N, C-alpha and C. Protein backbone atom coordinates (compact mmCIF):
# COMPACT_ATOMS: atom_id res chain seq x y z
N UNK A 1 72.90 101.19 79.95
CA UNK A 1 73.75 102.33 80.30
C UNK A 1 73.37 103.49 79.41
N UNK A 2 73.20 104.68 79.95
CA UNK A 2 72.87 105.83 79.14
C UNK A 2 73.98 106.13 78.14
N UNK A 3 73.59 106.47 76.93
CA UNK A 3 74.54 106.74 75.86
C UNK A 3 75.48 107.89 76.21
N UNK A 4 75.02 108.90 76.94
CA UNK A 4 75.87 110.05 77.26
C UNK A 4 77.02 109.68 78.19
N UNK A 5 76.99 108.49 78.80
CA UNK A 5 78.07 108.05 79.66
C UNK A 5 79.23 107.42 78.90
N UNK A 6 79.07 107.20 77.59
CA UNK A 6 80.12 106.59 76.78
C UNK A 6 80.91 107.65 76.04
N UNK A 7 82.22 107.44 75.94
CA UNK A 7 83.08 108.39 75.25
C UNK A 7 83.94 107.67 74.22
N UNK A 8 84.22 108.36 73.13
CA UNK A 8 85.19 107.88 72.16
C UNK A 8 86.59 108.20 72.68
N UNK A 9 87.61 107.73 71.97
CA UNK A 9 88.99 108.06 72.35
C UNK A 9 89.21 109.57 72.28
N UNK A 10 88.65 110.22 71.27
CA UNK A 10 88.80 111.67 71.14
C UNK A 10 88.13 112.40 72.30
N UNK A 11 86.94 111.94 72.69
CA UNK A 11 86.24 112.57 73.81
C UNK A 11 86.98 112.32 75.12
N UNK A 12 87.52 111.12 75.29
CA UNK A 12 88.30 110.81 76.50
C UNK A 12 89.56 111.67 76.56
N UNK A 13 90.18 111.89 75.41
CA UNK A 13 91.38 112.74 75.35
C UNK A 13 91.03 114.17 75.75
N UNK A 14 89.92 114.68 75.25
CA UNK A 14 89.49 116.04 75.64
C UNK A 14 89.19 116.08 77.13
N UNK A 15 88.51 115.07 77.63
CA UNK A 15 88.13 115.02 79.04
C UNK A 15 89.35 114.98 79.95
N UNK A 16 90.41 114.28 79.51
CA UNK A 16 91.62 114.14 80.31
C UNK A 16 92.71 115.15 79.94
N UNK A 17 92.40 116.02 78.99
CA UNK A 17 93.35 117.05 78.52
C UNK A 17 94.67 116.43 78.05
N UNK A 18 94.55 115.44 77.18
CA UNK A 18 95.74 114.83 76.59
C UNK A 18 95.44 114.53 75.13
N UNK A 19 96.39 113.96 74.44
CA UNK A 19 96.20 113.67 73.02
C UNK A 19 95.52 112.31 72.83
N UNK A 20 94.94 112.13 71.65
CA UNK A 20 94.32 110.85 71.32
C UNK A 20 95.39 109.76 71.28
N UNK A 21 96.59 110.10 70.81
CA UNK A 21 97.66 109.09 70.77
C UNK A 21 98.04 108.63 72.18
N UNK A 22 97.98 109.54 73.15
CA UNK A 22 98.25 109.15 74.55
C UNK A 22 97.18 108.18 75.03
N UNK A 23 95.93 108.46 74.71
CA UNK A 23 94.82 107.56 75.08
C UNK A 23 95.03 106.19 74.45
N UNK A 24 95.36 106.16 73.16
CA UNK A 24 95.56 104.88 72.48
C UNK A 24 96.74 104.11 73.07
N UNK A 25 97.79 104.81 73.42
CA UNK A 25 98.96 104.17 74.04
C UNK A 25 98.56 103.57 75.39
N UNK A 26 97.78 104.31 76.17
CA UNK A 26 97.33 103.82 77.48
C UNK A 26 96.41 102.61 77.32
N UNK A 27 95.57 102.62 76.30
CA UNK A 27 94.70 101.47 76.02
C UNK A 27 95.56 100.25 75.69
N UNK A 28 96.55 100.44 74.83
CA UNK A 28 97.42 99.34 74.42
C UNK A 28 98.17 98.72 75.59
N UNK A 29 98.50 99.54 76.56
CA UNK A 29 99.23 99.07 77.75
C UNK A 29 98.29 98.58 78.85
N UNK A 30 96.99 98.76 78.66
CA UNK A 30 96.03 98.36 79.68
C UNK A 30 96.03 99.29 80.88
N UNK A 31 96.41 100.54 80.68
CA UNK A 31 96.54 101.48 81.79
C UNK A 31 95.27 102.27 82.10
N UNK A 32 94.30 102.20 81.21
CA UNK A 32 93.09 103.00 81.38
C UNK A 32 91.88 102.09 81.14
N UNK A 33 90.82 102.23 81.94
CA UNK A 33 89.65 101.37 81.74
C UNK A 33 88.96 101.70 80.42
N UNK A 34 88.65 100.66 79.66
CA UNK A 34 87.99 100.81 78.37
C UNK A 34 87.32 99.49 78.00
N UNK A 35 86.56 99.53 76.93
CA UNK A 35 86.03 98.29 76.37
C UNK A 35 85.94 98.44 74.86
N UNK A 36 85.85 97.32 74.19
CA UNK A 36 85.81 97.32 72.73
C UNK A 36 84.45 96.87 72.23
N UNK A 37 84.02 97.53 71.19
CA UNK A 37 82.84 97.13 70.43
C UNK A 37 83.37 96.81 69.03
N UNK A 38 83.79 95.59 68.82
CA UNK A 38 84.47 95.25 67.57
C UNK A 38 85.81 95.97 67.55
N UNK A 39 86.01 96.83 66.54
CA UNK A 39 87.25 97.60 66.44
C UNK A 39 87.17 98.92 67.20
N UNK A 40 85.98 99.29 67.62
CA UNK A 40 85.79 100.57 68.30
C UNK A 40 86.18 100.47 69.78
N UNK A 41 86.82 101.50 70.26
CA UNK A 41 87.18 101.58 71.68
C UNK A 41 86.28 102.63 72.32
N UNK A 42 85.70 102.27 73.45
CA UNK A 42 84.82 103.21 74.16
C UNK A 42 85.22 103.25 75.63
N UNK A 43 84.86 104.35 76.26
CA UNK A 43 85.19 104.60 77.66
C UNK A 43 83.92 105.01 78.38
N UNK A 44 83.74 104.51 79.59
CA UNK A 44 82.63 104.95 80.43
C UNK A 44 83.13 106.09 81.31
N UNK A 45 82.43 107.18 81.29
CA UNK A 45 82.84 108.35 82.08
C UNK A 45 82.96 107.98 83.56
N UNK A 46 82.05 107.18 84.08
CA UNK A 46 82.10 106.80 85.50
C UNK A 46 83.37 106.00 85.81
N UNK A 47 83.80 105.13 84.90
CA UNK A 47 85.02 104.35 85.11
C UNK A 47 86.26 105.24 85.02
N UNK A 48 86.24 106.21 84.12
CA UNK A 48 87.36 107.15 84.00
C UNK A 48 87.46 107.99 85.28
N UNK A 49 86.31 108.45 85.78
CA UNK A 49 86.31 109.24 87.01
C UNK A 49 86.86 108.44 88.19
N UNK A 50 86.44 107.17 88.31
CA UNK A 50 86.93 106.31 89.40
C UNK A 50 88.43 106.05 89.23
N UNK A 51 88.87 105.83 88.00
CA UNK A 51 90.29 105.61 87.71
C UNK A 51 91.11 106.84 88.08
N UNK A 52 90.59 108.02 87.73
CA UNK A 52 91.28 109.27 88.09
C UNK A 52 91.40 109.42 89.60
N UNK A 53 90.32 109.15 90.31
CA UNK A 53 90.34 109.28 91.77
C UNK A 53 91.36 108.31 92.38
N UNK A 54 91.41 107.10 91.89
CA UNK A 54 92.35 106.10 92.39
C UNK A 54 93.79 106.53 92.13
N UNK A 55 94.07 107.00 90.93
CA UNK A 55 95.43 107.41 90.59
C UNK A 55 95.83 108.69 91.30
N UNK A 56 94.89 109.57 91.51
CA UNK A 56 95.20 110.82 92.22
C UNK A 56 95.59 110.52 93.66
N UNK A 57 94.84 109.65 94.33
CA UNK A 57 95.15 109.29 95.71
C UNK A 57 96.50 108.59 95.77
N UNK A 58 96.80 107.73 94.82
CA UNK A 58 98.09 107.05 94.79
C UNK A 58 99.24 108.02 94.60
N UNK A 59 99.05 109.03 93.75
CA UNK A 59 100.10 110.03 93.53
C UNK A 59 100.38 110.79 94.81
N UNK A 60 99.34 111.14 95.55
CA UNK A 60 99.51 111.88 96.80
C UNK A 60 100.27 111.02 97.81
N UNK A 61 99.89 109.74 97.92
CA UNK A 61 100.56 108.85 98.85
C UNK A 61 102.03 108.68 98.47
N UNK A 62 102.30 108.50 97.20
CA UNK A 62 103.69 108.34 96.75
C UNK A 62 104.49 109.60 97.05
N UNK A 63 103.88 110.74 96.84
CA UNK A 63 104.57 112.01 97.10
C UNK A 63 104.85 112.17 98.59
N UNK A 64 103.90 111.77 99.44
CA UNK A 64 104.08 111.91 100.88
C UNK A 64 105.16 110.97 101.40
N UNK A 65 105.23 109.76 100.87
CA UNK A 65 106.21 108.79 101.38
C UNK A 65 107.57 108.97 100.74
N UNK A 66 107.65 109.65 99.62
CA UNK A 66 108.92 109.84 98.94
C UNK A 66 109.91 110.60 99.80
N UNK A 67 109.45 111.56 100.59
CA UNK A 67 110.33 112.41 101.37
C UNK A 67 110.65 111.83 102.75
N UNK A 68 110.11 110.67 103.10
CA UNK A 68 110.33 110.11 104.42
C UNK A 68 111.77 109.65 104.59
N UNK A 69 112.23 108.77 103.75
CA UNK A 69 113.61 108.27 103.85
C UNK A 69 114.02 107.71 102.50
N UNK A 70 115.27 107.87 102.13
CA UNK A 70 115.72 107.31 100.86
C UNK A 70 115.82 105.79 100.94
N UNK A 71 115.72 105.16 99.80
CA UNK A 71 115.90 103.71 99.71
C UNK A 71 117.36 103.40 100.01
N UNK A 72 117.66 102.27 100.67
CA UNK A 72 119.06 101.94 100.99
C UNK A 72 119.98 101.96 99.78
N UNK A 73 119.46 101.63 98.59
CA UNK A 73 120.29 101.67 97.39
C UNK A 73 120.72 103.08 97.03
N UNK A 74 120.06 104.08 97.59
CA UNK A 74 120.37 105.47 97.28
C UNK A 74 121.31 106.10 98.31
N UNK A 75 121.81 105.33 99.25
CA UNK A 75 122.65 105.86 100.31
C UNK A 75 124.13 105.80 99.93
N UNK A 76 124.52 106.62 98.98
CA UNK A 76 125.91 106.70 98.55
C UNK A 76 126.41 108.11 98.79
N UNK A 77 127.61 108.23 99.32
CA UNK A 77 128.21 109.53 99.58
C UNK A 77 129.64 109.49 99.06
N UNK A 78 129.89 110.25 98.00
CA UNK A 78 131.22 110.33 97.39
C UNK A 78 131.77 108.94 97.05
N UNK A 79 130.92 108.12 96.45
CA UNK A 79 131.35 106.80 96.02
C UNK A 79 131.40 105.76 97.11
N UNK A 80 131.08 106.13 98.33
CA UNK A 80 131.11 105.19 99.45
C UNK A 80 129.69 104.86 99.85
N UNK A 81 129.39 103.60 100.03
CA UNK A 81 128.05 103.15 100.41
C UNK A 81 127.88 103.37 101.91
N UNK A 82 127.13 104.40 102.29
CA UNK A 82 126.96 104.70 103.72
C UNK A 82 125.87 103.84 104.35
N UNK A 83 125.15 103.08 103.51
CA UNK A 83 124.11 102.20 104.04
C UNK A 83 124.65 100.83 104.41
N UNK A 84 125.85 100.52 103.97
CA UNK A 84 126.43 99.20 104.25
C UNK A 84 126.99 99.15 105.66
N UNK A 85 126.98 97.96 106.21
CA UNK A 85 127.56 97.79 107.55
C UNK A 85 129.06 97.60 107.44
N UNK A 86 129.80 98.10 108.40
CA UNK A 86 131.27 98.03 108.35
C UNK A 86 131.80 96.78 108.97
């Protein structure tokens, strides 16, 4: 793999316009693709780009379906459950 395709946590943070602590938190939670070289954490730019594309598409889908209909648990009107059958 070409060396220019690898990023440190600081470089990944700059690339994603967030803080290094956010990157480290995401790594700890397994939310962002990464790999370890001993204690060092590295990121492949191609994997970050694919991860961004996947999450961007998911955000758009979630936004589109959010306005379709409320979840039945959200059907309350003045303390009365309007989703329940009478």
